[in-house]
């Protein structure tokens, strides 16, 4: 696994943990750490998490291809 996909995985995990905190406790850790949900830094983190999730989609199918060959 190259460094790009490791970074994507870390960002997807950050996003998942953040959404878990929002769902369970109503606490947005990214917004708290970045000074609010509408700050440029928080929006950049949200955007990077979203892009990482999209980049992780092909990895779901790569494992299936290896299993069928």
PDB file of N, CA and C in Angstrom:
ATOM      1  N   UNK A   1       0.853  -1.173   0.000  1.00  0.00           N
ATOM      2  CA  UNK A   1       0.000   0.000   0.000  1.00  0.00           C
ATOM      3  C   UNK A   1       0.899   1.237   0.000  1.00  0.00           C
ATOM      4  N   UNK A   2       0.704   2.093  -0.966  1.00  0.00           N
ATOM      5  CA  UNK A   2       1.592   3.249  -1.026  1.00  0.00           C
ATOM      6  C   UNK A   2       1.136   4.349  -0.069  1.00  0.00           C
ATOM      7  N   UNK A   3       1.942   5.368   0.051  1.00  0.00           N
ATOM      8  CA  UNK A   3       1.727   6.425   1.034  1.00  0.00           C
ATOM      9  C   UNK A   3       0.436   7.197   0.754  1.00  0.00           C
ATOM     10  N   UNK A   4       0.076   7.383  -0.518  1.00  0.00           N
ATOM     11  CA  UNK A   4      -1.157   8.102  -0.866  1.00  0.00           C
ATOM     12  C   UNK A   4      -2.373   7.407  -0.265  1.00  0.00           C
ATOM     13  N   UNK A   5      -2.462   6.099  -0.434  1.00  0.00           N
ATOM     14  CA  UNK A   5      -3.613   5.370   0.080  1.00  0.00           C
ATOM     15  C   UNK A   5      -3.607   5.296   1.611  1.00  0.00           C
ATOM     16  N   UNK A   6      -2.433   5.299   2.210  1.00  0.00           N
ATOM     17  CA  UNK A   6      -2.364   5.335   3.673  1.00  0.00           C
ATOM     18  C   UNK A   6      -2.894   6.668   4.196  1.00  0.00           C
ATOM     19  N   UNK A   7      -2.534   7.759   3.531  1.00  0.00           N
ATOM     20  CA  UNK A   7      -3.051   9.073   3.925  1.00  0.00           C
ATOM     21  C   UNK A   7      -4.562   9.118   3.743  1.00  0.00           C
ATOM     22  N   UNK A   8      -5.038   8.586   2.626  1.00  0.00           N
ATOM     23  CA  UNK A   8      -6.488   8.532   2.393  1.00  0.00           C
ATOM     24  C   UNK A   8      -7.191   7.735   3.488  1.00  0.00           C
ATOM     25  N   UNK A   9      -6.618   6.613   3.855  1.00  0.00           N
ATOM     26  CA  UNK A   9      -7.211   5.781   4.893  1.00  0.00           C
ATOM     27  C   UNK A   9      -7.266   6.516   6.227  1.00  0.00           C
ATOM     28  N   UNK A  10      -6.199   7.202   6.581  1.00  0.00           N
ATOM     29  CA  UNK A  10      -6.183   7.968   7.833  1.00  0.00           C
ATOM     30  C   UNK A  10      -7.263   9.042   7.809  1.00  0.00           C
ATOM     31  N   UNK A  11      -7.395   9.748   6.686  1.00  0.00           N
ATOM     32  CA  UNK A  11      -8.416  10.797   6.600  1.00  0.00           C
ATOM     33  C   UNK A  11      -9.826  10.223   6.643  1.00  0.00           C
ATOM     34  N   UNK A  12     -10.046   9.075   6.030  1.00  0.00           N
ATOM     35  CA  UNK A  12     -11.360   8.432   6.100  1.00  0.00           C
ATOM     36  C   UNK A  12     -11.668   8.012   7.537  1.00  0.00           C
ATOM     37  N   UNK A  13     -10.682   7.521   8.242  1.00  0.00           N
ATOM     38  CA  UNK A  13     -10.873   7.149   9.649  1.00  0.00           C
ATOM     39  C   UNK A  13     -11.191   8.386  10.485  1.00  0.00           C
ATOM     40  N   UNK A  14     -10.466   9.479  10.257  1.00  0.00           N
ATOM     41  CA  UNK A  14     -10.753  10.732  10.967  1.00  0.00           C
ATOM     42  C   UNK A  14     -12.197  11.156  10.722  1.00  0.00           C
ATOM     43  N   UNK A  15     -12.625  11.093   9.463  1.00  0.00           N
ATOM     44  CA  UNK A  15     -14.000  11.447   9.133  1.00  0.00           C
ATOM     45  C   UNK A  15     -15.017  10.534   9.801  1.00  0.00           C
ATOM     46  N   UNK A  16     -14.724   9.244   9.817  1.00  0.00           N
ATOM     47  CA  UNK A  16     -15.636   8.298  10.454  1.00  0.00           C
ATOM     48  C   UNK A  16     -15.748   8.511  11.951  1.00  0.00           C
ATOM     49  N   UNK A  17     -14.619   8.741  12.595  1.00  0.00           N
ATOM     50  CA  UNK A  17     -14.640   9.011  14.039  1.00  0.00           C
ATOM     51  C   UNK A  17     -15.383  10.309  14.318  1.00  0.00           C
ATOM     52  N   UNK A  18     -15.144  11.320  13.482  1.00  0.00           N
ATOM     53  CA  UNK A  18     -15.822  12.599  13.667  1.00  0.00           C
ATOM     54  C   UNK A  18     -17.339  12.435  13.535  1.00  0.00           C
ATOM     55  N   UNK A  19     -17.781  11.719  12.504  1.00  0.00           N
ATOM     56  CA  UNK A  19     -19.221  11.498  12.346  1.00  0.00           C
ATOM     57  C   UNK A  19     -19.788  10.656  13.484  1.00  0.00           C
ATOM     58  N   UNK A  20     -19.015   9.724  13.988  1.00  0.00           N
ATOM     59  CA  UNK A  20     -19.458   8.961  15.155  1.00  0.00           C
ATOM     60  C   UNK A  20     -19.664   9.853  16.366  1.00  0.00           C
ATOM     61  N   UNK A  21     -18.741  10.784  16.577  1.00  0.00           N
ATOM     62  CA  UNK A  21     -18.888  11.735  17.682  1.00  0.00           C
ATOM     63  C   UNK A  21     -20.093  12.643  17.483  1.00  0.00           C
ATOM     64  N   UNK A  22     -20.317  13.069  16.245  1.00  0.00           N
ATOM     65  CA  UNK A  22     -21.489  13.912  15.959  1.00  0.00           C
ATOM     66  C   UNK A  22     -22.771  13.130  16.230  1.00  0.00           C
ATOM     67  N   UNK A  23     -22.815  11.895  15.783  1.00  0.00           N
ATOM     68  CA  UNK A  23     -24.009  11.079  15.967  1.00  0.00           C
ATOM     69  C   UNK A  23     -24.294  10.722  17.416  1.00  0.00           C
ATOM     70  N   UNK A  24     -23.256  10.391  18.159  1.00  0.00           N
ATOM     71  CA  UNK A  24     -23.445   9.962  19.546  1.00  0.00           C
ATOM     72  C   UNK A  24     -23.598  11.113  20.526  1.00  0.00           C
ATOM     73  N   UNK A  25     -22.812  12.160  20.325  1.00  0.00           N
ATOM     74  CA  UNK A  25     -22.741  13.215  21.339  1.00  0.00           C
ATOM     75  C   UNK A  25     -23.049  14.612  20.814  1.00  0.00           C
ATOM     76  N   UNK A  26     -23.260  14.745  19.512  1.00  0.00           N
ATOM     77  CA  UNK A  26     -23.477  16.060  18.933  1.00  0.00           C
ATOM     78  C   UNK A  26     -22.225  16.929  18.977  1.00  0.00           C
ATOM     79  N   UNK A  27     -21.065  16.286  19.004  1.00  0.00           N
ATOM     80  CA  UNK A  27     -19.785  16.994  19.122  1.00  0.00           C
ATOM     81  C   UNK A  27     -18.997  16.848  17.825  1.00  0.00           C
ATOM     82  N   UNK A  28     -18.706  17.952  17.171  1.00  0.00           N
ATOM     83  CA  UNK A  28     -17.931  17.958  15.935  1.00  0.00           C
ATOM     84  C   UNK A  28     -16.479  18.273  16.287  1.00  0.00           C
ATOM     85  N   UNK A  29     -15.651  17.241  16.351  1.00  0.00           N
ATOM     86  CA  UNK A  29     -14.256  17.406  16.775  1.00  0.00           C
ATOM     87  C   UNK A  29     -13.456  18.246  15.782  1.00  0.00           C
ATOM     88  N   UNK A  30     -13.721  18.098  14.487  1.00  0.00           N
ATOM     89  CA  UNK A  30     -12.992  18.886  13.492  1.00  0.00           C
ATOM     90  C   UNK A  30     -13.298  20.369  13.687  1.00  0.00           C
ATOM     91  N   UNK A  31     -14.566  20.699  13.844  1.00  0.00           N
ATOM     92  CA  UNK A  31     -14.948  22.102  14.057  1.00  0.00           C
ATOM     93  C   UNK A  31     -14.347  22.620  15.358  1.00  0.00           C
ATOM     94  N   UNK A  32     -14.353  21.811  16.379  1.00  0.00           N
ATOM     95  CA  UNK A  32     -13.795  22.226  17.671  1.00  0.00           C
ATOM     96  C   UNK A  32     -12.298  22.499  17.555  1.00  0.00           C
ATOM     97  N   UNK A  33     -11.580  21.611  16.877  1.00  0.00           N
ATOM     98  CA  UNK A  33     -10.138  21.771  16.732  1.00  0.00           C
ATOM     99  C   UNK A  33      -9.767  22.938  15.812  1.00  0.00           C
ATOM    100  N   UNK A  34     -10.629  23.217  14.848  1.00  0.00           N
ATOM    101  CA  UNK A  34     -10.312  24.229  13.834  1.00  0.00           C
ATOM    102  C   UNK A  34     -10.952  25.587  14.104  1.00  0.00           C
ATOM    103  N   UNK A  35     -11.670  25.726  15.203  1.00  0.00           N
ATOM    104  CA  UNK A  35     -12.247  27.017  15.540  1.00  0.00           C
ATOM    105  C   UNK A  35     -13.617  27.274  14.956  1.00  0.00           C
ATOM    106  N   UNK A  36     -14.322  26.254  14.549  1.00  0.00           N
ATOM    107  CA  UNK A  36     -15.668  26.399  14.007  1.00  0.00           C
ATOM    108  C   UNK A  36     -15.808  25.670  12.688  1.00  0.00           C
ATOM    109  N   UNK A  37     -17.038  25.264  12.393  1.00  0.00           N
ATOM    110  CA  UNK A  37     -17.283  24.466  11.196  1.00  0.00           C
ATOM    111  C   UNK A  37     -17.134  25.271   9.911  1.00  0.00           C
ATOM    112  N   UNK A  38     -17.280  26.572   9.977  1.00  0.00           N
ATOM    113  CA  UNK A  38     -17.224  27.387   8.773  1.00  0.00           C
ATOM    114  C   UNK A  38     -15.854  28.013   8.527  1.00  0.00           C
ATOM    115  N   UNK A  39     -14.880  27.700   9.353  1.00  0.00           N
ATOM    116  CA  UNK A  39     -13.540  28.248   9.122  1.00  0.00           C
ATOM    117  C   UNK A  39     -12.921  27.584   7.897  1.00  0.00           C
ATOM    118  N   UNK A  40     -11.981  28.266   7.307  1.00  0.00           N
ATOM    119  CA  UNK A  40     -11.314  27.743   6.115  1.00  0.00           C
ATOM    120  C   UNK A  40     -10.599  26.425   6.417  1.00  0.00           C
ATOM    121  N   UNK A  41      -9.978  26.339   7.577  1.00  0.00           N
ATOM    122  CA  UNK A  41      -9.261  25.115   7.947  1.00  0.00           C
ATOM    123  C   UNK A  41     -10.216  23.932   8.099  1.00  0.00           C
ATOM    124  N   UNK A  42     -11.335  24.139   8.787  1.00  0.00           N
ATOM    125  CA  UNK A  42     -12.301  23.049   8.968  1.00  0.00           C
ATOM    126  C   UNK A  42     -12.873  22.612   7.628  1.00  0.00           C
ATOM    127  N   UNK A  43     -13.207  23.573   6.790  1.00  0.00           N
ATOM    128  CA  UNK A  43     -13.755  23.224   5.475  1.00  0.00           C
ATOM    129  C   UNK A  43     -12.720  22.485   4.638  1.00  0.00           C
ATOM    130  N   UNK A  44     -11.445  22.824   4.783  1.00  0.00           N
ATOM    131  CA  UNK A  44     -10.382  22.108   4.075  1.00  0.00           C
ATOM    132  C   UNK A  44     -10.285  20.666   4.564  1.00  0.00           C
ATOM    133  N   UNK A  45     -10.395  20.472   5.877  1.00  0.00           N
ATOM    134  CA  UNK A  45     -10.356  19.110   6.428  1.00  0.00           C
ATOM    135  C   UNK A  45     -11.544  18.308   5.927  1.00  0.00           C
ATOM    136  N   UNK A  46     -12.756  18.897   5.977  1.00  0.00           N
ATOM    137  CA  UNK A  46     -13.948  18.202   5.478  1.00  0.00           C
ATOM    138  C   UNK A  46     -13.783  17.831   4.005  1.00  0.00           C
ATOM    139  N   UNK A  47     -13.225  18.738   3.218  1.00  0.00           N
ATOM    140  CA  UNK A  47     -13.021  18.490   1.790  1.00  0.00           C
ATOM    141  C   UNK A  47     -12.011  17.375   1.571  1.00  0.00           C
ATOM    142  N   UNK A  48     -10.915  17.391   2.305  1.00  0.00           N
ATOM    143  CA  UNK A  48      -9.908  16.333   2.174  1.00  0.00           C
ATOM    144  C   UNK A  48     -10.460  14.974   2.585  1.00  0.00           C
ATOM    145  N   UNK A  49     -11.292  14.941   3.615  1.00  0.00           N
ATOM    146  CA  UNK A  49     -11.912  13.681   4.038  1.00  0.00           C
ATOM    147  C   UNK A  49     -12.826  13.161   2.930  1.00  0.00           C
ATOM    148  N   UNK A  50     -13.605  14.046   2.331  1.00  0.00           N
ATOM    149  CA  UNK A  50     -14.494  13.640   1.244  1.00  0.00           C
ATOM    150  C   UNK A  50     -13.734  13.133   0.031  1.00  0.00           C
ATOM    151  N   UNK A  51     -12.675  13.833  -0.342  1.00  0.00           N
ATOM    152  CA  UNK A  51     -11.858  13.400  -1.479  1.00  0.00           C
ATOM    153  C   UNK A  51     -11.197  12.055  -1.171  1.00  0.00           C
ATOM    154  N   UNK A  52     -10.760  11.877   0.056  1.00  0.00           N
ATOM    155  CA  UNK A  52     -10.143  10.606   0.456  1.00  0.00           C
ATOM    156  C   UNK A  52     -11.137   9.458   0.371  1.00  0.00           C
ATOM    157  N   UNK A  53     -12.369   9.721   0.752  1.00  0.00           N
ATOM    158  CA  UNK A  53     -13.395   8.679   0.662  1.00  0.00           C
ATOM    159  C   UNK A  53     -13.630   8.276  -0.786  1.00  0.00           C
ATOM    160  N   UNK A  54     -13.670   9.253  -1.685  1.00  0.00           N
ATOM    161  CA  UNK A  54     -13.849   8.952  -3.107  1.00  0.00           C
ATOM    162  C   UNK A  54     -12.643   8.172  -3.640  1.00  0.00           C
ATOM    163  N   UNK A  55     -11.449   8.547  -3.223  1.00  0.00           N
ATOM    164  CA  UNK A  55     -10.240   7.841  -3.657  1.00  0.00           C
ATOM    165  C   UNK A  55     -10.176   6.417  -3.110  1.00  0.00           C
ATOM    166  N   UNK A  56     -10.859   6.150  -2.010  1.00  0.00           N
ATOM    167  CA  UNK A  56     -10.833   4.819  -1.404  1.00  0.00           C
ATOM    168  C   UNK A  56     -11.803   3.854  -2.077  1.00  0.00           C
ATOM    169  N   UNK A  57     -12.735   4.356  -2.866  1.00  0.00           N
ATOM    170  CA  UNK A  57     -13.739   3.494  -3.509  1.00  0.00           C
ATOM    171  C   UNK A  57     -13.102   2.395  -4.364  1.00  0.00           C
ATOM    172  N   UNK A  58     -12.126   2.694  -5.209  1.00  0.00           N
ATOM    173  CA  UNK A  58     -11.542   1.610  -6.020  1.00  0.00           C
ATOM    174  C   UNK A  58     -10.898   0.488  -5.198  1.00  0.00           C
ATOM    175  N   UNK A  59     -10.451   0.785  -3.997  1.00  0.00           N
ATOM    176  CA  UNK A  59      -9.833  -0.255  -3.179  1.00  0.00           C
ATOM    177  C   UNK A  59     -10.837  -1.329  -2.789  1.00  0.00           C
ATOM    178  N   UNK A  60     -12.111  -1.001  -2.757  1.00  0.00           N
ATOM    179  CA  UNK A  60     -13.132  -2.013  -2.476  1.00  0.00           C
ATOM    180  C   UNK A  60     -13.171  -3.070  -3.569  1.00  0.00           C
ATOM    181  N   UNK A  61     -13.018  -2.630  -4.799  1.00  0.00           N
ATOM    182  CA  UNK A  61     -13.107  -3.539  -5.932  1.00  0.00           C
ATOM    183  C   UNK A  61     -11.783  -4.205  -6.253  1.00  0.00           C
ATOM    184  N   UNK A  62     -10.681  -3.615  -5.864  1.00  0.00           N
ATOM    185  CA  UNK A  62      -9.369  -4.210  -6.118  1.00  0.00           C
ATOM    186  C   UNK A  62      -9.234  -5.533  -5.372  1.00  0.00           C
ATOM    187  N   UNK A  63      -9.741  -5.608  -4.151  1.00  0.00           N
ATOM    188  CA  UNK A  63      -9.677  -6.849  -3.394  1.00  0.00           C
ATOM    189  C   UNK A  63     -10.528  -7.938  -4.057  1.00  0.00           C
ATOM    190  N   UNK A  64     -11.659  -7.562  -4.635  1.00  0.00           N
ATOM    191  CA  UNK A  64     -12.514  -8.521  -5.312  1.00  0.00           C
ATOM    192  C   UNK A  64     -11.831  -9.072  -6.564  1.00  0.00           C
ATOM    193  N   UNK A  65     -11.147  -8.200  -7.305  1.00  0.00           N
ATOM    194  CA  UNK A  65     -10.452  -8.636  -8.507  1.00  0.00           C
ATOM    195  C   UNK A  65      -9.356  -9.632  -8.160  1.00  0.00           C
ATOM    196  N   UNK A  66      -8.619  -9.402  -7.114  1.00  0.00           N
ATOM    197  CA  UNK A  66      -7.546 -10.315  -6.703  1.00  0.00           C
ATOM    198  C   UNK A  66      -8.120 -11.656  -6.246  1.00  0.00           C
ATOM    199  N   UNK A  67      -9.278 -11.652  -5.623  1.00  0.00           N
ATOM    200  CA  UNK A  67      -9.894 -12.889  -5.148  1.00  0.00           C
ATOM    201  C   UNK A  67     -10.401 -13.742  -6.311  1.00  0.00           C
ATOM    202  N   UNK A  68     -10.814 -13.111  -7.412  1.00  0.00           N
ATOM    203  CA  UNK A  68     -11.363 -13.847  -8.547  1.00  0.00           C
ATOM    204  C   UNK A  68     -10.313 -14.283  -9.540  1.00  0.00           C
ATOM    205  N   UNK A  69      -9.100 -13.831  -9.401  1.00  0.00           N
ATOM    206  CA  UNK A  69      -8.064 -14.225 -10.374  1.00  0.00           C
ATOM    207  C   UNK A  69      -7.205 -15.336  -9.852  1.00  0.00           C
TER     208      UNK A  69
END
